[in-house]
Amino acid sequence: SKRVVIVAPHPDDEVLGCGGLMQQLIALNCKILVLAVSNGTQSHPNSTKYPPDQLNILRPQESLAALNCLGVAESTEHIELNLLDGQIHLQTDQLRQSLDKLIQADDILICSYEFDGHPDHEAVGKTVQAYATAKQLLCLHVLIWAWHWAEPLDPRIDWHQAKAFSLTQEQLTKKHQAILQFKTQLEADESTGNAAVLSPSAINRLLMPYEVYLSDSFSRVL
């Protein structure tokens, strides 16, 4: 059976972007490998509620809890690459080396988009696409942060390659339950006065009844 590798800049991006598709892939007996490029330790600067050493433990735990909610945990391998959150653009060589060790010849890759509007997402998107091109592998890009800033037909996004994957009501419900596991990202931080990283409006945008992937070969995934 085919294997799909989801390269997530932070622990939650695989669910925010691909929580519906992951359920469909498992239903089709595909294998999934999630590569958490960083552990998202810099999501709460100067916080005493969520300091980096605590986030280093909590965020991967939240990611695994979310995979359980999706019903995909048993068929999904999860590997932490431990690159520095916020510094992935300076560590693309390490990311490439990890891909070399872990990616197999017929894997399908999914990653963040190189114009997603977040530096870590963009560094991952560029690096994984370059790797896929060199190895002649199919690579899809999923929109995550782009939903929060891009206007329809924004020229920075390659809309003619966009494919909407429709979620069933059950898939959407499970995706919502999974997103609720990311408590560090959903709660305001009293120690700094900062609002939640994922606002209610951001979550609503990520819970549309479809996920958008950029690829001219999406049909090869399912």
C-alpha atoms as a PDB file:
ATOM      1  CA  SER A   1       0.000   0.000   0.000  1.00  0.00           C
ATOM      2  CA  LYS A   2       1.161   3.520  -0.702  1.00  0.00           C
ATOM      3  CA  ARG A   3       2.618   5.770   1.990  1.00  0.00           C
ATOM      4  CA  VAL A   4       1.880   9.460   2.372  1.00  0.00           C
ATOM      5  CA  VAL A   5       4.395  11.583   4.282  1.00  0.00           C
ATOM      6  CA  ILE A   6       3.054  14.786   5.838  1.00  0.00           C
ATOM      7  CA  VAL A   7       5.842  17.232   6.686  1.00  0.00           C
ATOM      8  CA  ALA A   8       4.441  19.526   9.398  1.00  0.00           C
ATOM      9  CA  PRO A   9       6.413  22.620  10.438  1.00  0.00           C
ATOM     10  CA  HIS A  10       4.842  22.442  13.923  1.00  0.00           C
ATOM     11  CA  PRO A  11       2.841  19.819  15.848  1.00  0.00           C
ATOM     12  CA  ASP A  12      -0.729  20.665  14.737  1.00  0.00           C
ATOM     13  CA  ASP A  13      -0.134  21.657  11.114  1.00  0.00           C
ATOM     14  CA  GLU A  14      -0.762  18.091   9.929  1.00  0.00           C
ATOM     15  CA  VAL A  15      -4.250  18.198  11.495  1.00  0.00           C
ATOM     16  CA  LEU A  16      -5.105  21.829  10.712  1.00  0.00           C
ATOM     17  CA  GLY A  17      -4.210  21.246   7.083  1.00  0.00           C
ATOM     18  CA  CYS A  18      -4.883  17.575   6.427  1.00  0.00           C
ATOM     19  CA  GLY A  19      -7.164  16.248   9.181  1.00  0.00           C
ATOM     20  CA  GLY A  20      -9.839  15.249   6.695  1.00  0.00           C
ATOM     21  CA  LEU A  21      -7.563  13.762   4.054  1.00  0.00           C
ATOM     22  CA  MET A  22      -5.714  11.734   6.698  1.00  0.00           C
ATOM     23  CA  GLN A  23      -8.967  10.008   7.657  1.00  0.00           C
ATOM     24  CA  GLN A  24      -9.678   9.211   4.002  1.00  0.00           C
ATOM     25  CA  LEU A  25      -6.174   7.834   3.436  1.00  0.00           C
ATOM     26  CA  ILE A  26      -6.454   5.465   6.408  1.00  0.00           C
ATOM     27  CA  ALA A  27      -9.876   4.305   5.180  1.00  0.00           C
ATOM     28  CA  LEU A  28      -8.142   3.409   1.895  1.00  0.00           C
ATOM     29  CA  ASN A  29      -5.458   1.403   3.764  1.00  0.00           C
ATOM     30  CA  CYS A  30      -2.688   3.893   3.070  1.00  0.00           C
ATOM     31  CA  LYS A  31       0.117   4.325   5.541  1.00  0.00           C
ATOM     32  CA  ILE A  32       0.910   7.784   6.907  1.00  0.00           C
ATOM     33  CA  LEU A  33       4.171   9.167   8.245  1.00  0.00           C
ATOM     34  CA  VAL A  34       3.986  12.540  10.013  1.00  0.00           C
ATOM     35  CA  LEU A  35       7.277  14.400  10.304  1.00  0.00           C
ATOM     36  CA  ALA A  36       7.064  17.137  12.946  1.00  0.00           C
ATOM     37  CA  VAL A  37       9.870  19.420  11.798  1.00  0.00           C
ATOM     38  CA  SER A  38       9.881  21.392  15.059  1.00  0.00           C
ATOM     39  CA  ASN A  39       8.108  20.915  18.379  1.00  0.00           C
ATOM     40  CA  GLY A  40       6.614  24.400  18.255  1.00  0.00           C
ATOM     41  CA  THR A  41       8.447  25.605  21.351  1.00  0.00           C
ATOM     42  CA  GLN A  42       8.387  29.312  20.393  1.00  0.00           C
ATOM     43  CA  SER A  43       4.615  29.747  20.119  1.00  0.00           C
ATOM     44  CA  HIS A  44       4.472  31.668  23.431  1.00  0.00           C
ATOM     45  CA  PRO A  45       7.416  34.111  23.727  1.00  0.00           C
ATOM     46  CA  ASN A  46       8.201  35.259  27.293  1.00  0.00           C
ATOM     47  CA  SER A  47       5.458  33.054  28.721  1.00  0.00           C
ATOM     48  CA  THR A  48       5.628  31.548  32.184  1.00  0.00           C
ATOM     49  CA  LYS A  49       2.453  29.551  31.487  1.00  0.00           C
ATOM     50  CA  TYR A  50       3.939  27.844  28.426  1.00  0.00           C
ATOM     51  CA  PRO A  51       7.755  28.142  28.499  1.00  0.00           C
ATOM     52  CA  PRO A  52       9.691  26.377  25.714  1.00  0.00           C
ATOM     53  CA  ASP A  53      10.708  23.350  27.787  1.00  0.00           C
ATOM     54  CA  GLN A  54       7.053  22.695  28.627  1.00  0.00           C
ATOM     55  CA  LEU A  55       5.852  23.228  25.055  1.00  0.00           C
ATOM     56  CA  ASN A  56       8.532  20.762  23.950  1.00  0.00           C
ATOM     57  CA  ILE A  57       6.607  18.105  25.876  1.00  0.00           C
ATOM     58  CA  LEU A  58       3.021  19.331  25.538  1.00  0.00           C
ATOM     59  CA  ARG A  59       2.778  20.065  21.825  1.00  0.00           C
ATOM     60  CA  PRO A  60       3.865  16.608  20.590  1.00  0.00           C
ATOM     61  CA  GLN A  61       1.456  15.097  23.149  1.00  0.00           C
ATOM     62  CA  GLU A  62      -1.363  17.251  21.780  1.00  0.00           C
ATOM     63  CA  SER A  63      -0.514  16.137  18.257  1.00  0.00           C
ATOM     64  CA  LEU A  64      -0.760  12.459  19.211  1.00  0.00           C
ATOM     65  CA  ALA A  65      -4.054  13.070  21.041  1.00  0.00           C
ATOM     66  CA  ALA A  66      -5.386  14.749  17.895  1.00  0.00           C
ATOM     67  CA  LEU A  67      -4.392  11.774  15.729  1.00  0.00           C
ATOM     68  CA  ASN A  68      -6.343   9.570  18.146  1.00  0.00           C
ATOM     69  CA  CYS A  69      -9.414  11.784  17.700  1.00  0.00           C
ATOM     70  CA  LEU A  70      -9.103  11.429  13.933  1.00  0.00           C
ATOM     71  CA  GLY A  71      -8.965   7.651  14.339  1.00  0.00           C
ATOM     72  CA  VAL A  72      -5.673   7.433  12.451  1.00  0.00           C
ATOM     73  CA  ALA A  73      -3.122   7.015  15.258  1.00  0.00           C
ATOM     74  CA  GLU A  74      -2.653   3.253  14.893  1.00  0.00           C
ATOM     75  CA  SER A  75      -1.767   3.494  11.204  1.00  0.00           C
ATOM     76  CA  THR A  76       0.285   6.669  11.468  1.00  0.00           C
ATOM     77  CA  GLU A  77       3.975   6.813  12.313  1.00  0.00           C
ATOM     78  CA  HIS A  78       5.041  10.048  14.015  1.00  0.00           C
ATOM     79  CA  ILE A  79       8.657  11.258  14.051  1.00  0.00           C
ATOM     80  CA  GLU A  80       9.991  14.458  15.637  1.00  0.00           C
ATOM     81  CA  LEU A  81      12.882  16.055  13.735  1.00  0.00           C
ATOM     82  CA  ASN A  82      13.611  18.543  16.551  1.00  0.00           C
ATOM     83  CA  LEU A  83      14.582  21.530  14.433  1.00  0.00           C
ATOM     84  CA  LEU A  84      14.262  24.927  16.128  1.00  0.00           C
ATOM     85  CA  ASP A  85      10.839  26.536  15.934  1.00  0.00           C
ATOM     86  CA  GLY A  86      11.094  29.897  14.174  1.00  0.00           C
ATOM     87  CA  GLN A  87      14.527  29.030  12.760  1.00  0.00           C
ATOM     88  CA  ILE A  88      13.691  26.382  10.162  1.00  0.00           C
ATOM     89  CA  HIS A  89      14.906  28.645   7.333  1.00  0.00           C
ATOM     90  CA  LEU A  90      18.388  28.409   8.907  1.00  0.00           C
ATOM     91  CA  GLN A  91      18.222  24.608   9.184  1.00  0.00           C
ATOM     92  CA  THR A  92      17.133  23.502   5.734  1.00  0.00           C
ATOM     93  CA  ASP A  93      20.258  21.343   5.357  1.00  0.00           C
ATOM     94  CA  GLN A  94      19.254  19.347   8.460  1.00  0.00           C
ATOM     95  CA  LEU A  95      15.715  19.022   7.096  1.00  0.00           C
ATOM     96  CA  ARG A  96      17.051  17.712   3.772  1.00  0.00           C
ATOM     97  CA  GLN A  97      19.262  15.197   5.588  1.00  0.00           C
ATOM     98  CA  SER A  98      16.245  13.938   7.549  1.00  0.00           C
ATOM     99  CA  LEU A  99      14.229  13.573   4.347  1.00  0.00           C
ATOM    100  CA  ASP A 100      17.099  11.605   2.802  1.00  0.00           C
ATOM    101  CA  LYS A 101      17.040   9.165   5.714  1.00  0.00           C
ATOM    102  CA  LEU A 102      13.283   8.768   6.025  1.00  0.00           C
ATOM    103  CA  ILE A 103      11.676   9.152   2.592  1.00  0.00           C
ATOM    104  CA  GLN A 104      11.167   6.071   0.428  1.00  0.00           C
ATOM    105  CA  ALA A 105      11.262   5.891  -3.350  1.00  0.00           C
ATOM    106  CA  ASP A 106       7.493   5.855  -3.963  1.00  0.00           C
ATOM    107  CA  ASP A 107       6.307   8.076  -1.100  1.00  0.00           C
ATOM    108  CA  ILE A 108       3.838  10.892  -1.748  1.00  0.00           C
ATOM    109  CA  LEU A 109       4.754  14.090   0.116  1.00  0.00           C
ATOM    110  CA  ILE A 110       2.422  16.715   1.568  1.00  0.00           C
ATOM    111  CA  CYS A 111       3.783  19.893   3.143  1.00  0.00           C
ATOM    112  CA  SER A 112       2.988  23.525   3.826  1.00  0.00           C
ATOM    113  CA  TYR A 113       3.015  25.993   0.927  1.00  0.00           C
ATOM    114  CA  GLU A 114       6.083  28.090   0.146  1.00  0.00           C
ATOM    115  CA  PHE A 115       3.911  31.252   0.191  1.00  0.00           C
ATOM    116  CA  ASP A 116       1.750  30.332   3.203  1.00  0.00           C
ATOM    117  CA  GLY A 117       2.570  33.523   5.114  1.00  0.00           C
ATOM    118  CA  HIS A 118       4.571  31.982   7.980  1.00  0.00           C
ATOM    119  CA  PRO A 119       8.389  31.744   7.722  1.00  0.00           C
ATOM    120  CA  ASP A 120       8.589  28.163   9.031  1.00  0.00           C
ATOM    121  CA  HIS A 121       5.803  27.022   6.706  1.00  0.00           C
ATOM    122  CA  GLU A 122       7.513  28.676   3.763  1.00  0.00           C
ATOM    123  CA  ALA A 123      10.936  27.194   4.564  1.00  0.00           C
ATOM    124  CA  VAL A 124       9.412  23.711   4.833  1.00  0.00           C
ATOM    125  CA  GLY A 125       7.438  24.185   1.607  1.00  0.00           C
ATOM    126  CA  LYS A 126      10.477  25.285  -0.405  1.00  0.00           C
ATOM    127  CA  THR A 127      12.787  22.617   1.021  1.00  0.00           C
ATOM    128  CA  VAL A 128      10.388  19.695   0.630  1.00  0.00           C
ATOM    129  CA  GLN A 129       9.413  20.751  -2.897  1.00  0.00           C
ATOM    130  CA  ALA A 130      13.082  21.012  -3.928  1.00  0.00           C
ATOM    131  CA  TYR A 131      13.720  17.566  -2.455  1.00  0.00           C
ATOM    132  CA  ALA A 132      10.676  16.088  -4.203  1.00  0.00           C
ATOM    133  CA  THR A 133      11.708  17.604  -7.531  1.00  0.00           C
ATOM    134  CA  ALA A 134      15.233  16.199  -7.204  1.00  0.00           C
ATOM    135  CA  LYS A 135      13.878  12.732  -6.344  1.00  0.00           C
ATOM    136  CA  GLN A 136      10.977  12.885  -8.844  1.00  0.00           C
ATOM    137  CA  LEU A 137       8.369  12.429  -6.103  1.00  0.00           C
ATOM    138  CA  LEU A 138       4.849  13.812  -6.057  1.00  0.00           C
ATOM    139  CA  CYS A 139       4.581  16.734  -3.611  1.00  0.00           C
ATOM    140  CA  LEU A 140       1.325  18.439  -2.641  1.00  0.00           C
ATOM    141  CA  HIS A 141       1.086  21.724  -0.768  1.00  0.00           C
ATOM    142  CA  VAL A 142      -1.690  22.395   1.724  1.00  0.00           C
ATOM    143  CA  LEU A 143      -2.893  25.892   2.575  1.00  0.00           C
ATOM    144  CA  ILE A 144      -2.939  26.646   6.326  1.00  0.00           C
ATOM    145  CA  TRP A 145      -2.032  30.231   7.281  1.00  0.00           C
ATOM    146  CA  ALA A 146      -2.836  31.503   3.794  1.00  0.00           C
ATOM    147  CA  TRP A 147      -6.527  31.305   4.714  1.00  0.00           C
ATOM    148  CA  HIS A 148      -6.000  34.090   7.252  1.00  0.00           C
ATOM    149  CA  TRP A 149      -4.618  36.661   4.842  1.00  0.00           C
ATOM    150  CA  ALA A 150      -5.134  35.690   1.194  1.00  0.00           C
ATOM    151  CA  GLU A 151      -7.927  37.239  -0.843  1.00  0.00           C
ATOM    152  CA  PRO A 152      -9.645  35.102  -3.480  1.00  0.00           C
ATOM    153  CA  LEU A 153      -7.377  34.952  -6.536  1.00  0.00           C
ATOM    154  CA  ASP A 154      -4.413  36.417  -4.612  1.00  0.00           C
ATOM    155  CA  PRO A 155      -1.571  36.209  -7.175  1.00  0.00           C
ATOM    156  CA  ARG A 156       0.874  34.733  -4.632  1.00  0.00           C
ATOM    157  CA  ILE A 157      -1.112  31.496  -4.608  1.00  0.00           C
ATOM    158  CA  ASP A 158      -1.068  29.086  -7.525  1.00  0.00           C
ATOM    159  CA  TRP A 159      -4.860  28.785  -7.712  1.00  0.00           C
ATOM    160  CA  HIS A 160      -4.938  26.940 -11.043  1.00  0.00           C
ATOM    161  CA  GLN A 161      -3.325  23.988  -9.230  1.00  0.00           C
ATOM    162  CA  ALA A 162      -5.822  24.142  -6.350  1.00  0.00           C
ATOM    163  CA  LYS A 163      -7.868  21.031  -5.654  1.00  0.00           C
ATOM    164  CA  ALA A 164     -10.626  21.045  -3.027  1.00  0.00           C
ATOM    165  CA  PHE A 165     -10.924  17.786  -1.116  1.00  0.00           C
ATOM    166  CA  SER A 166     -14.463  17.601   0.319  1.00  0.00           C
ATOM    167  CA  LEU A 167     -14.914  16.295   3.856  1.00  0.00           C
ATOM    168  CA  THR A 168     -17.877  14.232   4.990  1.00  0.00           C
ATOM    169  CA  GLN A 169     -19.736  15.474   8.057  1.00  0.00           C
ATOM    170  CA  GLU A 170     -18.119  12.694  10.105  1.00  0.00           C
ATOM    171  CA  GLN A 171     -14.635  13.652   8.907  1.00  0.00           C
ATOM    172  CA  LEU A 172     -15.306  17.309   9.698  1.00  0.00           C
ATOM    173  CA  THR A 173     -16.609  16.471  13.186  1.00  0.00           C
ATOM    174  CA  LYS A 174     -13.535  14.367  13.945  1.00  0.00           C
ATOM    175  CA  LYS A 175     -11.261  17.099  12.619  1.00  0.00           C
ATOM    176  CA  HIS A 176     -12.948  19.583  14.950  1.00  0.00           C
ATOM    177  CA  GLN A 177     -12.509  17.227  17.918  1.00  0.00           C
ATOM    178  CA  ALA A 178      -8.861  16.786  16.939  1.00  0.00           C
ATOM    179  CA  ILE A 179      -8.219  20.542  16.765  1.00  0.00           C
ATOM    180  CA  LEU A 180      -9.652  20.904  20.278  1.00  0.00           C
ATOM    181  CA  GLN A 181      -6.702  18.827  21.552  1.00  0.00           C
ATOM    182  CA  PHE A 182      -4.298  21.698  20.822  1.00  0.00           C
ATOM    183  CA  LYS A 183      -5.017  23.357  24.151  1.00  0.00           C
ATOM    184  CA  THR A 184      -1.736  25.286  24.228  1.00  0.00           C
ATOM    185  CA  GLN A 185      -2.804  27.012  21.016  1.00  0.00           C
ATOM    186  CA  LEU A 186      -6.445  27.562  21.992  1.00  0.00           C
ATOM    187  CA  GLU A 187      -6.063  29.200  25.405  1.00  0.00           C
ATOM    188  CA  ALA A 188      -5.199  32.817  26.124  1.00  0.00           C
ATOM    189  CA  ASP A 189      -1.936  33.296  28.019  1.00  0.00           C
ATOM    190  CA  GLU A 190      -2.553  35.148  31.276  1.00  0.00           C
ATOM    191  CA  SER A 191       1.189  35.341  31.954  1.00  0.00           C
ATOM    192  CA  THR A 192       1.763  37.609  28.940  1.00  0.00           C
ATOM    193  CA  GLY A 193      -1.736  38.939  28.256  1.00  0.00           C
ATOM    194  CA  ASN A 194      -1.613  37.477  24.755  1.00  0.00           C
ATOM    195  CA  ALA A 195      -4.688  36.046  23.069  1.00  0.00           C
ATOM    196  CA  ALA A 196      -4.838  32.440  21.916  1.00  0.00           C
ATOM    197  CA  VAL A 197      -2.557  31.560  18.996  1.00  0.00           C
ATOM    198  CA  LEU A 198      -5.530  30.004  17.190  1.00  0.00           C
ATOM    199  CA  SER A 199      -8.436  32.438  17.446  1.00  0.00           C
ATOM    200  CA  PRO A 200     -12.043  31.231  17.019  1.00  0.00           C
ATOM    201  CA  SER A 201     -12.143  32.871  13.574  1.00  0.00           C
ATOM    202  CA  ALA A 202      -8.923  31.086  12.565  1.00  0.00           C
ATOM    203  CA  ILE A 203     -10.390  27.757  13.647  1.00  0.00           C
ATOM    204  CA  ASN A 204     -13.578  28.440  11.696  1.00  0.00           C
ATOM    205  CA  ARG A 205     -11.540  29.027   8.544  1.00  0.00           C
ATOM    206  CA  LEU A 206      -9.667  25.762   9.126  1.00  0.00           C
ATOM    207  CA  LEU A 207     -12.946  23.887   9.608  1.00  0.00           C
ATOM    208  CA  MET A 208     -14.400  24.544   6.193  1.00  0.00           C
ATOM    209  CA  PRO A 209     -16.015  21.415   4.712  1.00  0.00           C
ATOM    210  CA  TYR A 210     -13.059  21.043   2.351  1.00  0.00           C
ATOM    211  CA  GLU A 211      -9.264  21.183   2.383  1.00  0.00           C
ATOM    212  CA  VAL A 212      -7.349  22.821  -0.450  1.00  0.00           C
ATOM    213  CA  TYR A 213      -4.240  21.200  -1.890  1.00  0.00           C
ATOM    214  CA  LEU A 214      -2.043  22.634  -4.626  1.00  0.00           C
ATOM    215  CA  SER A 215      -1.081  19.934  -7.105  1.00  0.00           C
ATOM    216  CA  ASP A 216      -1.768  19.048 -10.709  1.00  0.00           C
ATOM    217  CA  SER A 217      -1.754  15.340  -9.747  1.00  0.00           C
ATOM    218  CA  PHE A 218      -4.051  15.176  -6.714  1.00  0.00           C
ATOM    219  CA  SER A 219      -5.851  12.138  -8.141  1.00  0.00           C
ATOM    220  CA  ARG A 220      -2.690  10.071  -7.566  1.00  0.00           C
ATOM    221  CA  VAL A 221      -3.106  10.459  -3.811  1.00  0.00           C
ATOM    222  CA  LEU A 222      -6.498   8.740  -3.455  1.00  0.00           C
END
